[in-house]
Amino acid sequence: MTEYWVSQARKFCDTCKCWIADNKSSIEFHESGRKHQLNTEKRLTDIRKRSTIQDKKAEKQAQWIEQMEAAALKDYRNKDLAQGADLSARIFHETKAQREAEKEALTASILAQKAEIQAGQDEKATDLSSCERASSSTSNVSTNDPMPGSSCLQTVVAPKSGTPWHKDPKKWFEAVSEQGHQFFWHVETKESRWDVPSEGFLSIAEQAEIKKKKEAAKAKREVMAQQSKAIHGEHKQEYVSPVPLGPNGKPQPYGSWQAVESVDPDTFDYQTPQVKAAPQAAATLHNDRDYNFKTKATPSLGGTASTNLTSSTSGIVFKKRKVNAEHKKNVRRRTDE
């Protein structure tokens, strides 16, 4: 059988562009070397530079595309929509005119409100000046006791309900008695009446609608809570042991005792196929078997016990071996014969 040499397995390092022995110790020695680490750092620096250049190119391309889209949209508005050749141009003009009309109406309403506020402030200023003149002209009135009926000394509280921004809540609710008669009851005073209240009331349909909205909001909150639990998981509250009261104990040189908690390992389901065992025949056990042991007796070879044997038994005879005549030729004979 011929002998041949088997070369050792080798591995190519892509970072250093060299071959090394393919074993654990050689690979670890090469990777922990200064040359390999410098080459790795240099390669990472090149990758960062290339990625930065690619990001700048992509950003410039996105800006260029955005400028193209803006220029195209500007030409479409100035040329195509101005002519009104298609349906989209007419819709655009209608919506634009509607927005302008709404903007003008809103501006006019704001100006009117400002004018009303300014007129009210001017009126209050005139009232205050008249009150000051009246107080200075009258000498019989003390300066420490203000006039109880003067309008300039009364504080005006801004209304918090009954305005377009603060609607007055309805406190009368509609209900139906057991006999089917309609009545109204007050939420705060619990007063009930048969006639319709002048302040307005909340009908049964409106009550059902409000209840439906509350239930929908509650269901939405529950769904959002479940979704947040599914994404972030349930935050379990850690048990904080109570701090023992009293003087501090003697410090231990090796630290205090800590209770070790046994943590059960997580069981993973590898989804392996279940192998069913082959059916086995039921074995029949027999515990009632009887075993009979017999003693084997051998004939006597002679001696004192031979007298007990019968006369018909023959003794043991050793036969003499017969020497073959051909075998005598090989036997060395005497020289004197």
Protein backbone atom coordinates (compact mmCIF):
# COMPACT_ATOMS: atom_id res chain seq x y z
CA MET A 1 0.00 0.00 0.00
CA THR A 2 1.38 3.37 -1.04
CA GLU A 3 1.92 6.13 1.51
CA TYR A 4 0.95 9.74 0.84
CA TRP A 5 1.01 13.04 2.72
CA VAL A 6 -2.24 14.71 3.84
CA SER A 7 -1.98 18.51 3.96
CA GLN A 8 -3.36 20.41 6.95
CA ALA A 9 -6.68 22.23 6.51
CA ARG A 10 -6.26 25.94 5.89
CA LYS A 11 -8.58 28.95 6.10
CA PHE A 12 -8.46 32.22 4.14
CA CYS A 13 -8.76 35.47 6.12
CA ASP A 14 -10.74 37.90 3.99
CA THR A 15 -9.64 40.90 6.08
CA CYS A 16 -5.88 40.29 5.91
CA LYS A 17 -5.92 38.42 2.55
CA CYS A 18 -3.81 35.55 3.86
CA TRP A 19 -4.09 31.83 4.64
CA ILE A 20 -4.00 30.46 8.18
CA ALA A 21 -4.37 27.02 9.73
CA ASP A 22 -7.97 25.98 10.19
CA ASN A 23 -7.95 25.24 13.90
CA LYS A 24 -9.25 27.09 16.92
CA SER A 25 -5.92 28.12 18.44
CA SER A 26 -4.49 29.46 15.15
CA ILE A 27 -7.66 31.41 14.35
CA GLU A 28 -7.79 32.98 17.83
CA PHE A 29 -4.08 33.86 17.68
CA HIS A 30 -4.50 35.51 14.27
CA GLU A 31 -7.67 37.43 15.20
CA SER A 32 -6.10 38.76 18.42
CA GLY A 33 -3.07 40.01 16.52
CA ARG A 34 -2.38 43.70 15.93
CA LYS A 35 -2.28 43.37 12.15
CA HIS A 36 -5.70 41.77 11.93
CA GLN A 37 -7.24 44.37 14.27
CA LEU A 38 -5.75 47.26 12.25
CA ASN A 39 -7.06 45.77 9.02
CA THR A 40 -10.52 45.32 10.57
CA GLU A 41 -10.61 48.93 11.80
CA LYS A 42 -9.46 50.17 8.38
CA ARG A 43 -12.17 48.16 6.65
CA LEU A 44 -14.88 49.51 8.98
CA THR A 45 -13.67 53.07 8.31
CA ASP A 46 -13.93 52.50 4.57
CA ILE A 47 -17.44 51.11 4.96
CA ARG A 48 -18.49 54.19 6.97
CA LYS A 49 -17.07 56.53 4.34
CA ARG A 50 -18.82 54.71 1.52
CA SER A 51 -22.14 54.70 3.40
CA THR A 52 -21.83 58.45 4.09
CA ILE A 53 -21.19 59.15 0.41
CA GLN A 54 -24.16 56.99 -0.60
CA ASP A 55 -26.43 58.78 1.90
CA LYS A 56 -25.39 62.18 0.51
CA LYS A 57 -26.07 61.00 -3.03
CA ALA A 58 -29.50 59.67 -2.04
CA GLU A 59 -30.34 62.94 -0.26
CA LYS A 60 -29.32 65.02 -3.29
CA GLN A 61 -31.37 62.77 -5.55
CA ALA A 62 -34.42 63.12 -3.28
CA GLN A 63 -34.06 66.92 -3.26
CA TRP A 64 -33.74 66.95 -7.04
CA ILE A 65 -36.89 64.84 -7.43
CA GLU A 66 -38.76 67.08 -4.99
CA GLN A 67 -37.75 70.18 -6.97
CA MET A 68 -38.92 68.52 -10.18
CA GLU A 69 -42.29 67.66 -8.63
CA ALA A 70 -42.72 71.19 -7.26
CA ALA A 71 -41.91 72.74 -10.66
CA ALA A 72 -44.30 70.35 -12.42
CA LEU A 73 -47.09 71.15 -9.93
CA LYS A 74 -46.46 74.88 -10.35
CA ASP A 75 -46.69 74.62 -14.15
CA TYR A 76 -49.85 72.53 -13.81
CA ARG A 77 -51.50 75.18 -11.63
CA ASN A 78 -50.37 78.14 -13.71
CA LYS A 79 -51.03 76.71 -17.18
CA ASP A 80 -53.40 73.75 -17.10
CA LEU A 81 -55.69 74.84 -14.25
CA ALA A 82 -55.83 78.45 -15.48
CA GLN A 83 -57.28 77.30 -18.79
CA GLY A 84 -59.84 75.01 -17.11
CA ALA A 85 -59.61 72.35 -19.77
CA ASP A 86 -60.33 69.30 -17.63
CA LEU A 87 -62.67 68.32 -14.78
CA SER A 88 -59.96 68.49 -12.12
CA ALA A 89 -59.28 72.15 -13.03
CA ARG A 90 -62.94 73.09 -12.52
CA ILE A 91 -63.05 71.24 -9.18
CA PHE A 92 -59.85 72.99 -8.10
CA HIS A 93 -61.27 76.42 -8.99
CA GLU A 94 -64.52 75.70 -7.13
CA THR A 95 -62.75 74.52 -3.97
CA LYS A 96 -60.35 77.47 -4.14
CA ALA A 97 -63.23 79.95 -4.43
CA GLN A 98 -65.04 78.25 -1.54
CA ARG A 99 -61.93 78.42 0.67
CA GLU A 100 -61.45 82.09 -0.15
CA ALA A 101 -65.10 82.86 0.68
CA GLU A 102 -64.84 81.00 4.00
CA LYS A 103 -61.61 82.84 4.81
CA GLU A 104 -63.23 86.22 4.07
CA ALA A 105 -66.27 85.37 6.23
CA LEU A 106 -64.03 84.26 9.10
CA THR A 107 -61.98 87.46 8.83
CA ALA A 108 -65.14 89.59 8.85
CA SER A 109 -66.51 87.78 11.93
CA ILE A 110 -63.20 88.24 13.77
CA LEU A 111 -63.16 91.95 12.94
CA ALA A 112 -66.77 92.31 14.13
CA GLN A 113 -65.96 90.57 17.43
CA LYS A 114 -62.93 92.82 17.91
CA ALA A 115 -65.08 95.90 17.25
CA GLU A 116 -67.67 94.72 19.81
CA ILE A 117 -64.95 94.09 22.40
CA GLN A 118 -63.42 97.50 21.74
CA ALA A 119 -66.82 99.19 22.06
CA GLY A 120 -67.44 97.42 25.38
CA GLN A 121 -64.04 98.47 26.69
CA ASP A 122 -64.68 102.08 25.64
CA GLU A 123 -68.06 102.01 27.37
CA LYS A 124 -66.49 100.65 30.55
CA ALA A 125 -63.80 103.34 30.39
CA THR A 126 -66.42 106.09 30.07
CA ASP A 127 -68.39 104.63 33.00
CA LEU A 128 -65.24 104.50 35.12
CA SER A 129 -64.31 108.09 34.30
CA SER A 130 -67.83 109.27 35.10
CA CYS A 131 -67.72 107.42 38.42
CA GLU A 132 -64.38 109.00 39.27
CA ARG A 133 -65.70 112.47 38.45
CA ALA A 134 -68.82 111.84 40.53
CA SER A 135 -66.78 110.61 43.50
CA SER A 136 -64.44 113.59 43.32
CA SER A 137 -67.33 116.09 43.08
CA THR A 138 -69.24 114.70 46.06
CA SER A 139 -67.60 115.64 49.35
CA ASN A 140 -70.15 114.08 51.70
CA VAL A 141 -69.17 110.49 50.74
CA SER A 142 -66.27 108.87 52.58
CA THR A 143 -63.37 107.45 50.57
CA ASN A 144 -63.19 104.30 52.70
CA ASP A 145 -66.85 103.30 52.14
CA PRO A 146 -67.56 102.64 48.47
CA MET A 147 -70.97 103.25 46.99
CA PRO A 148 -72.97 100.03 47.18
CA GLY A 149 -74.90 100.66 43.96
CA SER A 150 -72.05 101.95 41.78
CA SER A 151 -71.50 99.95 38.59
CA CYS A 152 -67.83 100.86 38.31
CA LEU A 153 -66.93 98.96 41.51
CA GLN A 154 -68.73 95.72 40.63
CA THR A 155 -66.63 92.81 39.31
CA VAL A 156 -67.95 91.10 36.21
CA VAL A 157 -67.41 87.33 36.04
CA ALA A 158 -66.99 85.83 32.59
CA PRO A 159 -69.72 83.30 31.81
CA LYS A 160 -68.58 79.71 31.67
CA SER A 161 -71.73 78.28 30.09
CA GLY A 162 -74.33 79.31 27.57
CA THR A 163 -71.72 80.49 25.04
CA PRO A 164 -70.85 79.00 21.65
CA TRP A 165 -67.73 77.51 23.27
CA HIS A 166 -69.33 76.51 26.62
CA LYS A 167 -72.77 75.01 26.15
CA ASP A 168 -75.04 74.99 29.17
CA PRO A 169 -75.44 71.35 30.31
CA LYS A 170 -78.96 70.02 30.54
CA LYS A 171 -79.90 68.98 34.06
CA TRP A 172 -83.44 67.73 33.35
CA PHE A 173 -83.71 64.15 32.09
CA GLU A 174 -86.68 62.54 30.40
CA ALA A 175 -88.00 59.25 31.82
CA VAL A 176 -91.02 56.96 31.55
CA SER A 177 -92.87 55.58 34.55
CA GLU A 178 -94.04 52.00 34.95
CA GLN A 179 -97.54 52.99 33.78
CA GLY A 180 -96.05 54.48 30.58
CA HIS A 181 -96.42 58.16 31.55
CA GLN A 182 -93.70 60.63 30.65
CA PHE A 183 -92.06 62.70 33.40
CA PHE A 184 -88.89 64.72 33.97
CA TRP A 185 -86.43 64.63 36.87
CA HIS A 186 -83.58 66.93 37.93
CA VAL A 187 -80.07 65.49 38.31
CA GLU A 188 -78.91 67.65 41.22
CA THR A 189 -82.09 68.27 43.23
CA LYS A 190 -83.78 64.92 42.33
CA GLU A 191 -86.99 66.87 41.68
CA SER A 192 -89.58 65.27 39.35
CA ARG A 193 -92.34 67.00 37.39
CA TRP A 194 -94.89 66.16 34.71
CA ASP A 195 -94.73 69.32 32.59
CA VAL A 196 -91.87 70.07 30.19
CA PRO A 197 -89.16 72.25 31.83
CA SER A 198 -88.38 75.56 30.17
CA GLU A 199 -84.61 75.10 30.57
CA GLY A 200 -84.69 72.15 28.20
CA PHE A 201 -84.25 68.46 28.86
CA LEU A 202 -82.25 65.47 27.69
CA SER A 203 -84.48 63.04 25.81
CA ILE A 204 -84.34 59.25 26.10
CA ALA A 205 -82.82 58.94 22.63
CA GLU A 206 -80.07 61.40 23.52
CA GLN A 207 -79.40 59.52 26.77
CA ALA A 208 -79.09 56.25 24.82
CA GLU A 209 -76.75 57.91 22.33
CA ILE A 210 -74.54 59.27 25.13
CA LYS A 211 -74.49 55.85 26.78
CA LYS A 212 -73.57 54.22 23.48
CA LYS A 213 -70.71 56.70 22.99
CA LYS A 214 -69.41 56.00 26.50
CA GLU A 215 -69.52 52.23 25.89
CA ALA A 216 -67.74 52.65 22.55
CA ALA A 217 -65.05 54.78 24.20
CA LYS A 218 -64.66 52.20 26.98
CA ALA A 219 -64.36 49.35 24.46
CA LYS A 220 -61.79 51.37 22.49
CA ARG A 221 -59.74 51.94 25.65
CA GLU A 222 -59.83 48.21 26.44
CA VAL A 223 -58.71 47.32 22.91
CA MET A 224 -55.88 49.83 23.10
CA ALA A 225 -54.85 48.45 26.50
CA GLN A 226 -54.78 44.90 25.10
CA GLN A 227 -52.75 46.02 22.11
CA SER A 228 -50.25 47.81 24.34
CA LYS A 229 -49.98 44.68 26.51
CA ALA A 230 -49.40 42.53 23.42
CA ILE A 231 -46.65 44.88 22.19
CA HIS A 232 -44.88 45.85 25.42
CA GLY A 233 -45.94 42.96 27.65
CA GLU A 234 -47.46 43.07 31.09
CA HIS A 235 -45.40 44.99 33.61
CA LYS A 236 -45.28 42.84 36.69
CA GLN A 237 -44.90 44.67 39.96
CA GLU A 238 -41.90 43.47 41.88
CA TYR A 239 -42.46 42.52 45.50
CA VAL A 240 -40.69 44.90 47.83
CA SER A 241 -39.93 43.39 51.20
CA PRO A 242 -40.80 45.62 54.16
CA VAL A 243 -37.88 47.38 55.81
CA PRO A 244 -37.29 46.01 59.31
CA LEU A 245 -37.50 48.57 62.07
CA GLY A 246 -35.11 48.88 64.99
CA PRO A 247 -31.34 49.28 65.37
CA ASN A 248 -29.00 48.14 62.66
CA GLY A 249 -27.48 44.74 63.15
CA LYS A 250 -23.80 43.92 63.38
CA PRO A 251 -22.18 44.02 59.93
CA GLN A 252 -20.96 40.67 58.64
CA PRO A 253 -17.41 40.54 57.19
CA TYR A 254 -18.48 38.22 54.36
CA GLY A 255 -21.86 39.82 53.70
CA SER A 256 -25.35 38.93 54.84
CA TRP A 257 -27.24 35.76 54.02
CA GLN A 258 -29.34 35.84 50.89
CA ALA A 259 -32.18 33.49 50.11
CA VAL A 260 -31.63 31.62 46.87
CA GLU A 261 -34.70 31.44 44.69
CA SER A 262 -35.07 28.37 42.56
CA VAL A 263 -35.97 29.39 39.03
CA ASP A 264 -37.54 26.76 36.82
CA PRO A 265 -35.92 26.63 33.37
CA ASP A 266 -38.14 27.65 30.52
CA THR A 267 -39.48 24.74 28.52
CA PHE A 268 -39.12 25.12 24.79
CA ASP A 269 -41.34 23.35 22.30
CA TYR A 270 -39.07 22.14 19.49
CA GLN A 271 -42.12 20.80 17.56
CA THR A 272 -40.50 17.43 17.00
CA PRO A 273 -42.65 14.65 15.54
CA GLN A 274 -44.09 12.31 18.10
CA VAL A 275 -43.04 8.68 17.54
CA LYS A 276 -45.69 6.18 18.51
CA ALA A 277 -44.45 3.01 20.18
CA ALA A 278 -45.15 -0.28 18.43
CA PRO A 279 -47.86 -2.42 20.01
CA GLN A 280 -46.45 -5.16 22.22
CA ALA A 281 -48.04 -8.49 22.95
CA ALA A 282 -49.06 -9.10 26.51
CA ALA A 283 -46.67 -11.58 28.12
CA THR A 284 -48.23 -14.41 30.12
CA LEU A 285 -46.38 -15.11 33.36
CA HIS A 286 -46.45 -18.62 34.89
CA ASN A 287 -45.57 -18.70 38.53
CA ASP A 288 -46.79 -22.29 39.15
CA ARG A 289 -44.01 -24.17 37.32
CA ASP A 290 -42.40 -27.02 39.27
CA TYR A 291 -38.75 -27.86 38.88
CA ASN A 292 -37.55 -31.44 39.70
CA PHE A 293 -33.85 -31.87 40.42
CA LYS A 294 -32.29 -35.38 40.14
CA THR A 295 -28.99 -36.60 41.55
CA LYS A 296 -26.74 -38.31 38.99
CA ALA A 297 -24.97 -41.42 40.39
CA THR A 298 -21.72 -42.78 38.88
CA PRO A 299 -20.53 -46.41 39.24
CA SER A 300 -17.74 -47.18 41.71
CA LEU A 301 -14.17 -47.64 40.42
CA GLY A 302 -13.43 -50.29 43.00
CA GLY A 303 -12.61 -50.34 46.63
CA THR A 304 -14.57 -51.06 49.75
CA ALA A 305 -17.82 -50.03 48.19
CA SER A 306 -17.36 -52.46 45.27
CA THR A 307 -18.58 -55.38 47.36
CA ASN A 308 -22.04 -53.91 47.33
CA LEU A 309 -22.20 -54.22 43.54
CA THR A 310 -23.61 -57.34 41.94
CA SER A 311 -21.40 -60.06 40.52
CA SER A 312 -22.64 -59.36 37.02
CA THR A 313 -20.80 -56.03 36.87
CA SER A 314 -17.42 -56.28 35.13
CA GLY A 315 -14.31 -54.46 36.26
CA ILE A 316 -12.47 -51.78 34.39
CA VAL A 317 -9.87 -53.17 31.95
CA PHE A 318 -7.14 -51.08 30.28
CA LYS A 319 -6.29 -52.20 26.77
CA LYS A 320 -2.69 -52.28 25.60
CA ARG A 321 -1.94 -50.24 22.55
CA LYS A 322 -0.93 -52.21 19.52
CA VAL A 323 2.09 -50.86 17.70
CA ASN A 324 1.79 -50.84 13.95
CA ALA A 325 4.49 -52.66 12.01
CA GLU A 326 5.09 -49.70 9.76
CA HIS A 327 5.80 -47.48 12.74
CA LYS A 328 8.63 -49.78 13.89
CA LYS A 329 10.76 -48.72 10.94
CA ASN A 330 11.07 -45.26 12.36
CA VAL A 331 12.22 -46.50 15.76
CA ARG A 332 16.03 -46.40 16.23
CA ARG A 333 17.48 -49.82 16.64
CA ARG A 334 20.48 -50.94 18.67
CA THR A 335 23.77 -51.24 16.96
CA ASP A 336 24.67 -54.52 18.63
CA GLU A 337 21.85 -56.43 17.13
